[in-house]
Amino acid sequence: MMKTKLLCVFVATLSIIACSKDGEDGAVGPQGPQGEQGIQGEQGDTGEQGDTGEQGEKGDPGTANVIYSGWVDSPFVNNNIMSPTANASMEVAGLSQEIVDYGTVLVYGKVAANGTVYALPYLGNQGVSYYYYFDLEEINIRLATADGTSDIGSPLFSTYRYVLIPGGTEASDGIGGVTTKAAAVDYSKMSYDEVVDYFGIPK
């Protein structure tokens, strides 16, 4: 009797295995709902700050090739000029032939009484014109009365400064105020404040 029961169990097991092996796979069931998002973990500690790199070399103001002076004393030593015209020169080591031929030369005068700066050429209230010529390593400041007969008297400007701007287009005839006719930017039409801001020049 026991043998008969064992035989029946053995036959039933073989039948189940045979059915499982030869039967087709069932269809995939629908995907279950997404589980809730877990709690965000704590933020890690901030890493140590890296070493500061070496500071780069200080750049030149504005553009590397622009040359400018500080405020220098007027080349006119006489504070009471008893003639209708006068001229005096300033030595300018940076005024190269290339700048004379292709660049821009700007000159400014400052009034000692109130610190007001004017670009040359300039016609003062006293009827005196202030203008300049330039050549290799030299800027010549010239004064002339409007009527050509009166004395100049005391010059308006006590100090002057210049700005030398290299250029790439021949546009200079050596006369102040006619130096950038063909330049992309006509610096001679800019105010003093605009020029120093444009090139980062200390006032």
N, C-alpha and C. Protein backbone atom coordinates (compact mmCIF):
# COMPACT_ATOMS: atom_id res chain seq x y z
N MET A 1 0.85 -1.20 0.00
CA MET A 1 0.00 0.00 0.00
C MET A 1 0.88 1.25 0.00
N MET A 2 1.92 1.24 0.80
CA MET A 2 2.85 2.36 0.87
C MET A 2 3.53 2.56 -0.45
N LYS A 3 3.91 1.48 -1.12
CA LYS A 3 4.58 1.59 -2.42
C LYS A 3 3.66 2.23 -3.44
N THR A 4 2.38 1.87 -3.34
CA THR A 4 1.41 2.41 -4.31
C THR A 4 1.29 3.94 -4.13
N LYS A 5 1.25 4.42 -2.89
CA LYS A 5 1.15 5.86 -2.62
C LYS A 5 2.38 6.61 -3.12
N LEU A 6 3.56 6.04 -2.90
CA LEU A 6 4.79 6.67 -3.36
C LEU A 6 4.82 6.76 -4.87
N LEU A 7 4.32 5.69 -5.50
CA LEU A 7 4.30 5.69 -6.98
C LEU A 7 3.37 6.77 -7.50
N CYS A 8 2.23 6.94 -6.84
CA CYS A 8 1.29 7.98 -7.28
C CYS A 8 1.88 9.38 -7.11
N VAL A 9 2.57 9.60 -6.00
CA VAL A 9 3.21 10.91 -5.77
C VAL A 9 4.26 11.17 -6.81
N PHE A 10 5.05 10.16 -7.17
CA PHE A 10 6.12 10.30 -8.14
C PHE A 10 5.56 10.64 -9.51
N VAL A 11 4.47 9.96 -9.89
CA VAL A 11 3.85 10.20 -11.19
C VAL A 11 3.26 11.63 -11.24
N ALA A 12 2.63 12.06 -10.16
CA ALA A 12 2.04 13.41 -10.10
C ALA A 12 3.12 14.48 -10.22
N THR A 13 4.27 14.26 -9.57
CA THR A 13 5.38 15.22 -9.64
C THR A 13 5.91 15.35 -11.04
N LEU A 14 6.07 14.20 -11.73
CA LEU A 14 6.56 14.23 -13.11
C LEU A 14 5.59 14.98 -14.01
N SER A 15 4.32 14.82 -13.76
CA SER A 15 3.31 15.51 -14.58
C SER A 15 3.39 17.02 -14.40
N ILE A 16 3.56 17.48 -13.18
CA ILE A 16 3.67 18.92 -12.90
C ILE A 16 4.89 19.49 -13.56
N ILE A 17 6.04 18.78 -13.45
CA ILE A 17 7.29 19.26 -14.07
C ILE A 17 7.14 19.33 -15.56
N ALA A 18 6.53 18.34 -16.15
CA ALA A 18 6.36 18.31 -17.60
C ALA A 18 5.47 19.44 -18.06
N CYS A 19 4.43 19.72 -17.32
CA CYS A 19 3.53 20.82 -17.70
C CYS A 19 4.22 22.17 -17.57
N SER A 20 5.01 22.34 -16.49
CA SER A 20 5.70 23.61 -16.27
C SER A 20 6.74 23.85 -17.35
N LYS A 21 7.41 22.80 -17.82
CA LYS A 21 8.48 22.93 -18.79
C LYS A 21 7.93 23.22 -20.17
N ASP A 22 6.85 22.57 -20.54
CA ASP A 22 6.35 22.70 -21.90
C ASP A 22 5.32 23.80 -22.06
N GLY A 23 4.75 24.39 -21.01
CA GLY A 23 3.69 25.38 -21.12
C GLY A 23 4.21 26.75 -21.53
N GLU A 24 3.37 27.61 -22.12
CA GLU A 24 3.76 28.96 -22.52
C GLU A 24 3.83 29.88 -21.31
N ASP A 25 4.75 30.94 -21.42
CA ASP A 25 4.88 31.92 -20.33
C ASP A 25 3.61 32.75 -20.24
N GLY A 26 3.21 33.06 -19.08
CA GLY A 26 2.04 33.90 -18.89
C GLY A 26 2.33 35.36 -19.26
N ALA A 27 1.30 36.16 -19.51
CA ALA A 27 1.46 37.59 -19.83
C ALA A 27 2.04 38.35 -18.64
N VAL A 28 2.84 39.41 -18.97
CA VAL A 28 3.43 40.23 -17.90
C VAL A 28 2.33 41.05 -17.25
N GLY A 29 2.28 41.03 -15.99
CA GLY A 29 1.27 41.78 -15.26
C GLY A 29 1.53 43.28 -15.31
N PRO A 30 0.55 44.11 -15.00
CA PRO A 30 0.73 45.58 -15.01
C PRO A 30 1.74 46.02 -13.97
N GLN A 31 2.45 47.12 -14.29
CA GLN A 31 3.47 47.64 -13.37
C GLN A 31 2.79 48.23 -12.14
N GLY A 32 3.34 47.93 -11.04
CA GLY A 32 2.78 48.45 -9.81
C GLY A 32 3.06 49.93 -9.64
N PRO A 33 2.35 50.64 -8.78
CA PRO A 33 2.56 52.08 -8.56
C PRO A 33 3.95 52.35 -8.01
N GLN A 34 4.51 53.57 -8.38
CA GLN A 34 5.84 53.94 -7.91
C GLN A 34 5.81 54.20 -6.41
N GLY A 35 6.81 53.72 -5.76
CA GLY A 35 6.88 53.91 -4.32
C GLY A 35 7.19 55.34 -3.95
N GLU A 36 6.94 55.75 -2.74
CA GLU A 36 7.22 57.10 -2.27
C GLU A 36 8.73 57.37 -2.25
N GLN A 37 9.07 58.67 -2.57
CA GLN A 37 10.48 59.04 -2.59
C GLN A 37 11.02 59.03 -1.16
N GLY A 38 12.20 58.51 -1.06
CA GLY A 38 12.82 58.43 0.25
C GLY A 38 13.25 59.79 0.77
N ILE A 39 13.52 59.92 2.03
CA ILE A 39 13.96 61.16 2.66
C ILE A 39 15.36 61.51 2.16
N GLN A 40 15.55 62.83 1.80
CA GLN A 40 16.85 63.26 1.30
C GLN A 40 17.89 63.18 2.41
N GLY A 41 19.03 62.69 2.03
CA GLY A 41 20.09 62.56 3.01
C GLY A 41 20.69 63.90 3.38
N GLU A 42 21.41 63.97 4.48
CA GLU A 42 22.03 65.20 4.94
C GLU A 42 23.15 65.61 3.99
N GLN A 43 23.31 66.97 3.81
CA GLN A 43 24.36 67.48 2.94
C GLN A 43 25.72 67.23 3.58
N GLY A 44 26.64 66.82 2.74
CA GLY A 44 27.97 66.55 3.24
C GLY A 44 28.72 67.80 3.63
N ASP A 45 29.79 67.68 4.36
CA ASP A 45 30.60 68.81 4.78
C ASP A 45 31.27 69.46 3.57
N THR A 46 31.39 70.81 3.62
CA THR A 46 32.07 71.53 2.55
C THR A 46 33.56 71.21 2.58
N GLY A 47 34.08 70.96 1.39
CA GLY A 47 35.50 70.64 1.31
C GLY A 47 36.38 71.83 1.61
N GLU A 48 37.63 71.60 1.90
CA GLU A 48 38.56 72.68 2.21
C GLU A 48 38.83 73.51 0.96
N GLN A 49 38.96 74.84 1.17
CA GLN A 49 39.24 75.74 0.05
C GLN A 49 40.66 75.53 -0.44
N GLY A 50 40.78 75.50 -1.77
CA GLY A 50 42.10 75.31 -2.36
C GLY A 50 43.00 76.52 -2.15
N ASP A 51 44.27 76.33 -2.39
CA ASP A 51 45.23 77.43 -2.23
C ASP A 51 44.98 78.50 -3.28
N THR A 52 45.16 79.76 -2.89
CA THR A 52 44.99 80.87 -3.82
C THR A 52 46.15 80.90 -4.80
N GLY A 53 45.82 81.03 -6.08
CA GLY A 53 46.85 81.08 -7.10
C GLY A 53 47.63 82.39 -7.05
N GLU A 54 48.76 82.40 -7.73
CA GLU A 54 49.58 83.61 -7.76
C GLU A 54 48.86 84.71 -8.53
N GLN A 55 48.99 85.94 -8.06
CA GLN A 55 48.36 87.07 -8.73
C GLN A 55 49.10 87.39 -10.01
N GLY A 56 48.32 87.61 -11.08
CA GLY A 56 48.92 87.95 -12.37
C GLY A 56 49.50 89.34 -12.36
N GLU A 57 50.32 89.60 -13.37
CA GLU A 57 50.92 90.92 -13.47
C GLU A 57 49.85 91.97 -13.75
N LYS A 58 50.05 93.16 -13.21
CA LYS A 58 49.10 94.24 -13.39
C LYS A 58 49.10 94.68 -14.85
N GLY A 59 47.93 94.77 -15.45
CA GLY A 59 47.83 95.17 -16.85
C GLY A 59 48.02 96.67 -17.01
N ASP A 60 48.41 97.04 -18.22
CA ASP A 60 48.57 98.46 -18.51
C ASP A 60 47.21 99.15 -18.58
N PRO A 61 47.13 100.42 -18.21
CA PRO A 61 45.84 101.12 -18.27
C PRO A 61 45.30 101.16 -19.69
N GLY A 62 44.02 100.90 -19.83
CA GLY A 62 43.38 101.00 -21.13
C GLY A 62 43.98 100.04 -22.12
N THR A 63 44.80 100.49 -23.02
CA THR A 63 45.50 99.64 -23.97
C THR A 63 46.99 99.71 -23.68
N ALA A 64 47.68 98.65 -24.04
CA ALA A 64 49.09 98.52 -23.66
C ALA A 64 49.97 99.59 -24.29
N ASN A 65 49.59 100.15 -25.42
CA ASN A 65 50.47 101.05 -26.15
C ASN A 65 50.17 102.53 -25.93
N VAL A 66 49.11 102.86 -25.21
CA VAL A 66 48.79 104.27 -24.97
C VAL A 66 49.77 104.86 -23.96
N ILE A 67 50.27 106.04 -24.26
CA ILE A 67 51.23 106.73 -23.39
C ILE A 67 50.59 108.02 -22.91
N TYR A 68 50.71 108.31 -21.61
CA TYR A 68 50.15 109.55 -21.09
C TYR A 68 51.07 110.11 -20.02
N SER A 69 51.05 111.41 -19.87
CA SER A 69 51.88 112.07 -18.87
C SER A 69 51.05 112.38 -17.64
N GLY A 70 51.71 112.76 -16.58
CA GLY A 70 51.03 113.38 -15.46
C GLY A 70 50.83 114.85 -15.78
N TRP A 71 50.36 115.60 -14.80
CA TRP A 71 50.22 117.05 -15.01
C TRP A 71 51.58 117.69 -14.79
N VAL A 72 52.09 118.30 -15.84
CA VAL A 72 53.43 118.91 -15.78
C VAL A 72 53.29 120.43 -15.84
N ASP A 73 54.24 121.10 -15.22
CA ASP A 73 54.22 122.57 -15.19
C ASP A 73 54.26 123.15 -16.61
N SER A 74 53.60 124.26 -16.76
CA SER A 74 53.56 124.94 -18.05
C SER A 74 54.98 125.26 -18.52
N PRO A 75 55.27 125.05 -19.80
CA PRO A 75 56.60 125.40 -20.31
C PRO A 75 56.82 126.92 -20.42
N PHE A 76 55.77 127.71 -20.21
CA PHE A 76 55.92 129.17 -20.24
C PHE A 76 56.37 129.64 -18.86
N VAL A 77 57.59 130.12 -18.78
CA VAL A 77 58.13 130.55 -17.50
C VAL A 77 57.71 131.98 -17.16
N ASN A 78 57.29 132.71 -18.16
CA ASN A 78 56.89 134.10 -17.95
C ASN A 78 55.39 134.13 -17.65
N ASN A 79 55.00 134.62 -16.49
CA ASN A 79 53.59 134.70 -16.11
C ASN A 79 52.89 135.95 -16.62
N ASN A 80 53.62 136.79 -17.33
CA ASN A 80 53.02 137.99 -17.92
C ASN A 80 53.65 138.22 -19.29
N ILE A 81 53.04 137.59 -20.31
CA ILE A 81 53.62 137.60 -21.65
C ILE A 81 53.22 138.90 -22.35
N MET A 82 54.19 139.74 -22.61
CA MET A 82 53.93 141.05 -23.21
C MET A 82 54.13 140.99 -24.73
N SER A 83 53.37 140.13 -25.37
CA SER A 83 53.39 140.02 -26.83
C SER A 83 52.11 139.30 -27.26
N PRO A 84 51.72 139.45 -28.55
CA PRO A 84 50.48 138.81 -29.01
C PRO A 84 50.63 137.33 -29.33
N THR A 85 51.83 136.83 -29.40
CA THR A 85 52.06 135.40 -29.66
C THR A 85 53.19 134.90 -28.77
N ALA A 86 53.15 133.60 -28.51
CA ALA A 86 54.22 132.97 -27.73
C ALA A 86 54.15 131.46 -27.97
N ASN A 87 55.28 130.80 -27.79
CA ASN A 87 55.29 129.33 -27.88
C ASN A 87 56.40 128.78 -27.00
N ALA A 88 56.19 127.56 -26.53
CA ALA A 88 57.16 126.88 -25.68
C ALA A 88 56.98 125.38 -25.86
N SER A 89 58.06 124.65 -25.74
CA SER A 89 58.02 123.22 -26.05
C SER A 89 58.17 122.35 -24.81
N MET A 90 57.55 121.17 -24.88
CA MET A 90 57.71 120.13 -23.87
C MET A 90 58.39 118.93 -24.54
N GLU A 91 59.39 118.37 -23.87
CA GLU A 91 60.03 117.16 -24.39
C GLU A 91 59.14 115.95 -24.09
N VAL A 92 58.92 115.12 -25.10
CA VAL A 92 58.05 113.95 -24.96
C VAL A 92 58.79 112.74 -25.54
N ALA A 93 59.43 111.99 -24.67
CA ALA A 93 60.26 110.87 -25.13
C ALA A 93 59.45 109.80 -25.86
N GLY A 94 58.18 109.62 -25.48
CA GLY A 94 57.37 108.56 -26.09
C GLY A 94 56.75 108.93 -27.42
N LEU A 95 56.96 110.17 -27.88
CA LEU A 95 56.36 110.61 -29.14
C LEU A 95 57.24 110.15 -30.29
N SER A 96 56.96 108.93 -30.76
CA SER A 96 57.76 108.31 -31.81
C SER A 96 57.32 108.80 -33.19
N GLN A 97 58.14 108.48 -34.17
CA GLN A 97 57.79 108.85 -35.55
C GLN A 97 56.52 108.12 -35.99
N GLU A 98 56.33 106.91 -35.51
CA GLU A 98 55.13 106.16 -35.87
C GLU A 98 53.87 106.85 -35.37
N ILE A 99 53.92 107.37 -34.14
CA ILE A 99 52.76 108.09 -33.60
C ILE A 99 52.56 109.40 -34.34
N VAL A 100 53.67 110.09 -34.66
CA VAL A 100 53.57 111.33 -35.43
C VAL A 100 52.87 111.07 -36.76
N ASP A 101 53.23 109.95 -37.42
CA ASP A 101 52.71 109.67 -38.76
C ASP A 101 51.32 109.04 -38.75
N TYR A 102 51.05 108.21 -37.74
CA TYR A 102 49.83 107.40 -37.79
C TYR A 102 48.92 107.53 -36.57
N GLY A 103 49.40 108.12 -35.51
CA GLY A 103 48.64 108.10 -34.27
C GLY A 103 47.90 109.39 -33.96
N THR A 104 47.50 109.50 -32.69
CA THR A 104 46.76 110.65 -32.19
C THR A 104 47.51 111.26 -31.01
N VAL A 105 47.65 112.56 -31.02
CA VAL A 105 48.30 113.29 -29.92
C VAL A 105 47.27 114.25 -29.35
N LEU A 106 46.93 114.05 -28.08
CA LEU A 106 45.96 114.91 -27.39
C LEU A 106 46.68 115.70 -26.30
N VAL A 107 46.33 116.96 -26.16
CA VAL A 107 46.94 117.82 -25.14
C VAL A 107 45.83 118.53 -24.37
N TYR A 108 46.00 118.60 -23.04
CA TYR A 108 45.01 119.24 -22.17
C TYR A 108 45.71 120.25 -21.27
N GLY A 109 44.98 121.33 -20.94
CA GLY A 109 45.47 122.33 -20.01
C GLY A 109 44.56 122.40 -18.79
N LYS A 110 45.14 122.68 -17.64
CA LYS A 110 44.36 122.78 -16.40
C LYS A 110 44.50 124.17 -15.80
N VAL A 111 43.35 124.72 -15.38
CA VAL A 111 43.34 126.03 -14.74
C VAL A 111 43.65 125.85 -13.26
N ALA A 112 44.65 126.55 -12.77
CA ALA A 112 45.08 126.37 -11.38
C ALA A 112 44.01 126.81 -10.40
N ALA A 113 43.27 127.85 -10.72
CA ALA A 113 42.32 128.43 -9.77
C ALA A 113 41.20 127.48 -9.40
N ASN A 114 40.69 126.72 -10.37
CA ASN A 114 39.54 125.86 -10.07
C ASN A 114 39.70 124.41 -10.52
N GLY A 115 40.85 124.07 -11.10
CA GLY A 115 41.10 122.69 -11.52
C GLY A 115 40.36 122.26 -12.77
N THR A 116 39.74 123.20 -13.49
CA THR A 116 39.02 122.85 -14.72
C THR A 116 40.01 122.47 -15.82
N VAL A 117 39.66 121.42 -16.55
CA VAL A 117 40.52 120.92 -17.62
C VAL A 117 39.87 121.21 -18.97
N TYR A 118 40.68 121.71 -19.90
CA TYR A 118 40.20 121.98 -21.26
C TYR A 118 41.11 121.27 -22.27
N ALA A 119 40.48 120.76 -23.32
CA ALA A 119 41.25 120.16 -24.41
C ALA A 119 41.72 121.26 -25.35
N LEU A 120 42.96 121.13 -25.82
CA LEU A 120 43.47 122.05 -26.83
C LEU A 120 43.15 121.50 -28.21
N PRO A 121 42.88 122.33 -29.21
CA PRO A 121 42.91 123.80 -29.18
C PRO A 121 41.74 124.38 -28.39
N TYR A 122 42.00 125.54 -27.75
CA TYR A 122 40.99 126.17 -26.89
C TYR A 122 41.11 127.69 -27.01
N LEU A 123 39.96 128.36 -27.10
CA LEU A 123 39.92 129.81 -27.13
C LEU A 123 39.40 130.32 -25.79
N GLY A 124 40.26 131.02 -25.04
CA GLY A 124 39.89 131.50 -23.72
C GLY A 124 39.06 132.76 -23.76
N ASN A 125 38.46 133.08 -22.62
CA ASN A 125 37.63 134.28 -22.52
C ASN A 125 38.42 135.56 -22.74
N GLN A 126 39.74 135.49 -22.52
CA GLN A 126 40.56 136.68 -22.69
C GLN A 126 40.90 136.93 -24.16
N GLY A 127 40.35 136.08 -25.04
CA GLY A 127 40.65 136.23 -26.46
C GLY A 127 41.97 135.63 -26.86
N VAL A 128 42.49 134.74 -26.04
CA VAL A 128 43.76 134.08 -26.34
C VAL A 128 43.50 132.64 -26.79
N SER A 129 44.06 132.24 -27.91
CA SER A 129 43.94 130.88 -28.42
C SER A 129 45.11 130.04 -27.89
N TYR A 130 44.79 128.80 -27.48
CA TYR A 130 45.79 127.85 -27.02
C TYR A 130 45.72 126.64 -27.96
N TYR A 131 46.80 126.35 -28.64
CA TYR A 131 46.83 125.22 -29.54
C TYR A 131 48.23 124.61 -29.51
N TYR A 132 48.48 123.61 -30.33
CA TYR A 132 49.77 122.92 -30.26
C TYR A 132 50.14 122.30 -31.60
N TYR A 133 51.46 122.19 -31.79
CA TYR A 133 52.04 121.42 -32.87
C TYR A 133 52.89 120.32 -32.22
N PHE A 134 53.13 119.27 -32.97
CA PHE A 134 53.98 118.23 -32.42
C PHE A 134 54.87 117.65 -33.50
N ASP A 135 56.00 117.13 -33.04
CA ASP A 135 56.95 116.47 -33.92
C ASP A 135 57.65 115.41 -33.09
N LEU A 136 58.65 114.80 -33.64
CA LEU A 136 59.33 113.71 -32.96
C LEU A 136 59.84 114.16 -31.59
N GLU A 137 59.32 113.51 -30.53
CA GLU A 137 59.73 113.73 -29.14
C GLU A 137 59.52 115.17 -28.66
N GLU A 138 58.55 115.87 -29.25
CA GLU A 138 58.34 117.25 -28.83
C GLU A 138 56.89 117.68 -29.10
N ILE A 139 56.32 118.39 -28.13
CA ILE A 139 55.04 119.06 -28.31
C ILE A 139 55.26 120.53 -28.04
N ASN A 140 54.84 121.36 -28.99
CA ASN A 140 55.03 122.80 -28.88
C ASN A 140 53.69 123.47 -28.62
N ILE A 141 53.57 124.10 -27.44
CA ILE A 141 52.35 124.82 -27.07
C ILE A 141 52.44 126.24 -27.61
N ARG A 142 51.36 126.70 -28.28
CA ARG A 142 51.38 128.03 -28.89
C ARG A 142 50.19 128.85 -28.41
N LEU A 143 50.45 130.11 -28.16
CA LEU A 143 49.43 131.05 -27.71
C LEU A 143 49.37 132.23 -28.68
N ALA A 144 48.17 132.72 -28.93
CA ALA A 144 48.02 133.88 -29.82
C ALA A 144 46.74 134.61 -29.46
N THR A 145 46.82 135.95 -29.45
CA THR A 145 45.62 136.75 -29.20
C THR A 145 44.78 136.83 -30.47
N ALA A 146 43.47 136.99 -30.29
CA ALA A 146 42.54 136.98 -31.42
C ALA A 146 42.79 138.15 -32.38
N ASP A 147 43.13 139.34 -31.83
CA ASP A 147 43.31 140.50 -32.70
C ASP A 147 44.73 140.61 -33.24
N GLY A 148 45.64 139.80 -32.70
CA GLY A 148 47.00 139.81 -33.20
C GLY A 148 47.83 140.98 -32.76
N THR A 149 47.29 141.85 -31.90
CA THR A 149 48.04 143.03 -31.45
C THR A 149 48.12 143.13 -29.93
N SER A 150 47.10 142.68 -29.22
CA SER A 150 47.08 142.77 -27.76
C SER A 150 48.10 141.80 -27.15
N ASP A 151 48.55 142.15 -25.94
CA ASP A 151 49.45 141.25 -25.22
C ASP A 151 48.66 140.07 -24.63
N ILE A 152 49.32 138.94 -24.54
CA ILE A 152 48.69 137.74 -23.98
C ILE A 152 48.45 137.93 -22.49
N GLY A 153 49.39 138.51 -21.81
CA GLY A 153 49.26 138.67 -20.36
C GLY A 153 49.54 137.36 -19.64
N SER A 154 48.75 137.08 -18.60
CA SER A 154 48.96 135.88 -17.80
C SER A 154 48.28 134.69 -18.47
N PRO A 155 49.03 133.61 -18.81
CA PRO A 155 48.42 132.44 -19.44
C PRO A 155 47.37 131.80 -18.54
N LEU A 156 46.37 131.19 -19.19
CA LEU A 156 45.26 130.59 -18.45
C LEU A 156 45.67 129.30 -17.75
N PHE A 157 46.50 128.49 -18.40
CA PHE A 157 46.81 127.15 -17.88
C PHE A 157 48.15 127.15 -17.14
N SER A 158 48.14 126.53 -15.97
CA SER A 158 49.37 126.41 -15.18
C SER A 158 50.05 125.06 -15.40
N THR A 159 49.29 124.06 -15.80
CA THR A 159 49.85 122.74 -16.06
C THR A 159 49.22 122.15 -17.32
N TYR A 160 49.96 121.20 -17.93
CA TYR A 160 49.50 120.52 -19.14
C TYR A 160 49.75 119.01 -18.98
N ARG A 161 49.01 118.25 -19.76
CA ARG A 161 49.31 116.82 -19.88
C ARG A 161 48.97 116.39 -21.30
N TYR A 162 49.58 115.27 -21.73
CA TYR A 162 49.35 114.77 -23.08
C TYR A 162 48.99 113.29 -23.03
N VAL A 163 48.31 112.84 -24.09
CA VAL A 163 47.98 111.43 -24.28
C VAL A 163 48.38 111.07 -25.70
N LEU A 164 49.19 110.02 -25.84
CA LEU A 164 49.67 109.56 -27.15
C LEU A 164 49.01 108.23 -27.47
N ILE A 165 48.28 108.18 -28.58
CA ILE A 165 47.52 106.99 -28.95
C ILE A 165 48.02 106.48 -30.31
N PRO A 166 48.67 105.32 -30.35
CA PRO A 166 49.11 104.77 -31.65
C PRO A 166 47.91 104.50 -32.54
N GLY A 167 48.11 104.57 -33.83
CA GLY A 167 47.03 104.32 -34.76
C GLY A 167 47.50 103.48 -35.93
N GLY A 168 46.55 103.08 -36.78
CA GLY A 168 46.89 102.25 -37.91
C GLY A 168 46.59 102.89 -39.25
N THR A 169 46.10 104.13 -39.23
CA THR A 169 45.74 104.81 -40.47
C THR A 169 46.40 106.17 -40.52
N GLU A 170 47.08 106.48 -41.60
CA GLU A 170 47.74 107.77 -41.71
C GLU A 170 46.69 108.88 -41.77
N ALA A 171 46.69 109.74 -40.77
CA ALA A 171 45.67 110.77 -40.70
C ALA A 171 46.17 112.05 -40.07
N SER A 172 47.47 112.13 -39.80
CA SER A 172 48.01 113.27 -39.07
C SER A 172 48.77 114.21 -39.98
N ASP A 173 48.58 115.53 -39.81
CA ASP A 173 49.39 116.50 -40.52
C ASP A 173 50.26 117.30 -39.56
N GLY A 174 50.32 116.80 -38.28
CA GLY A 174 51.18 117.45 -37.30
C GLY A 174 50.57 118.64 -36.62
N ILE A 175 49.29 118.93 -36.88
CA ILE A 175 48.64 120.08 -36.26
C ILE A 175 47.63 119.60 -35.23
N GLY A 176 47.68 120.14 -34.02
CA GLY A 176 46.77 119.71 -32.98
C GLY A 176 45.32 119.88 -33.37
N GLY A 177 44.52 118.86 -33.10
CA GLY A 177 43.11 118.92 -33.40
C GLY A 177 42.75 118.35 -34.75
N VAL A 178 43.75 118.00 -35.59
CA VAL A 178 43.48 117.39 -36.89
C VAL A 178 44.34 116.14 -36.98
N THR A 179 44.08 115.21 -36.06
CA THR A 179 44.99 114.07 -35.95
C THR A 179 44.34 112.73 -36.17
N THR A 180 43.02 112.66 -36.26
CA THR A 180 42.37 111.36 -36.35
C THR A 180 41.24 111.36 -37.37
N LYS A 181 41.43 112.01 -38.49
CA LYS A 181 40.36 112.12 -39.47
C LYS A 181 39.88 110.77 -39.96
N ALA A 182 40.81 109.79 -40.09
CA ALA A 182 40.43 108.51 -40.65
C ALA A 182 40.40 107.40 -39.61
N ALA A 183 40.55 107.73 -38.33
CA ALA A 183 40.56 106.70 -37.30
C ALA A 183 39.15 106.17 -37.06
N ALA A 184 39.08 104.92 -36.55
CA ALA A 184 37.78 104.33 -36.26
C ALA A 184 37.06 105.12 -35.17
N VAL A 185 37.82 105.62 -34.19
CA VAL A 185 37.27 106.47 -33.13
C VAL A 185 38.00 107.80 -33.18
N ASP A 186 37.27 108.88 -33.27
CA ASP A 186 37.88 110.21 -33.31
C ASP A 186 38.03 110.71 -31.88
N TYR A 187 39.19 110.44 -31.28
CA TYR A 187 39.41 110.80 -29.89
C TYR A 187 39.43 112.31 -29.68
N SER A 188 39.76 113.06 -30.72
CA SER A 188 39.82 114.51 -30.57
C SER A 188 38.44 115.12 -30.32
N LYS A 189 37.39 114.38 -30.62
CA LYS A 189 36.04 114.87 -30.39
C LYS A 189 35.48 114.41 -29.04
N MET A 190 36.26 113.64 -28.31
CA MET A 190 35.84 113.19 -26.99
C MET A 190 36.30 114.20 -25.94
N SER A 191 35.51 114.33 -24.87
CA SER A 191 35.90 115.21 -23.78
C SER A 191 37.07 114.58 -23.01
N TYR A 192 37.67 115.40 -22.16
CA TYR A 192 38.78 114.89 -21.33
C TYR A 192 38.32 113.71 -20.48
N ASP A 193 37.17 113.85 -19.83
CA ASP A 193 36.67 112.76 -18.98
C ASP A 193 36.40 111.50 -19.79
N GLU A 194 35.89 111.65 -21.00
CA GLU A 194 35.61 110.48 -21.85
C GLU A 194 36.90 109.77 -22.24
N VAL A 195 37.95 110.53 -22.53
CA VAL A 195 39.22 109.93 -22.93
C VAL A 195 39.85 109.16 -21.78
N VAL A 196 39.91 109.79 -20.60
CA VAL A 196 40.56 109.10 -19.47
C VAL A 196 39.75 107.89 -19.02
N ASP A 197 38.44 107.96 -19.12
CA ASP A 197 37.60 106.80 -18.78
C ASP A 197 37.78 105.70 -19.82
N TYR A 198 37.86 106.07 -21.07
CA TYR A 198 37.99 105.10 -22.17
C TYR A 198 39.27 104.28 -22.04
N PHE A 199 40.37 104.93 -21.67
CA PHE A 199 41.65 104.26 -21.58
C PHE A 199 42.05 103.91 -20.13
N GLY A 200 41.20 104.23 -19.17
CA GLY A 200 41.54 103.90 -17.78
C GLY A 200 42.71 104.72 -17.26
N ILE A 201 42.80 105.97 -17.66
CA ILE A 201 43.90 106.84 -17.24
C ILE A 201 43.52 107.56 -15.95
N PRO A 202 44.39 107.53 -14.95
CA PRO A 202 44.10 108.28 -13.71
C PRO A 202 43.96 109.77 -14.00
N LYS A 203 42.97 110.41 -13.37
CA LYS A 203 42.79 111.84 -13.57
C LYS A 203 43.79 112.66 -12.78
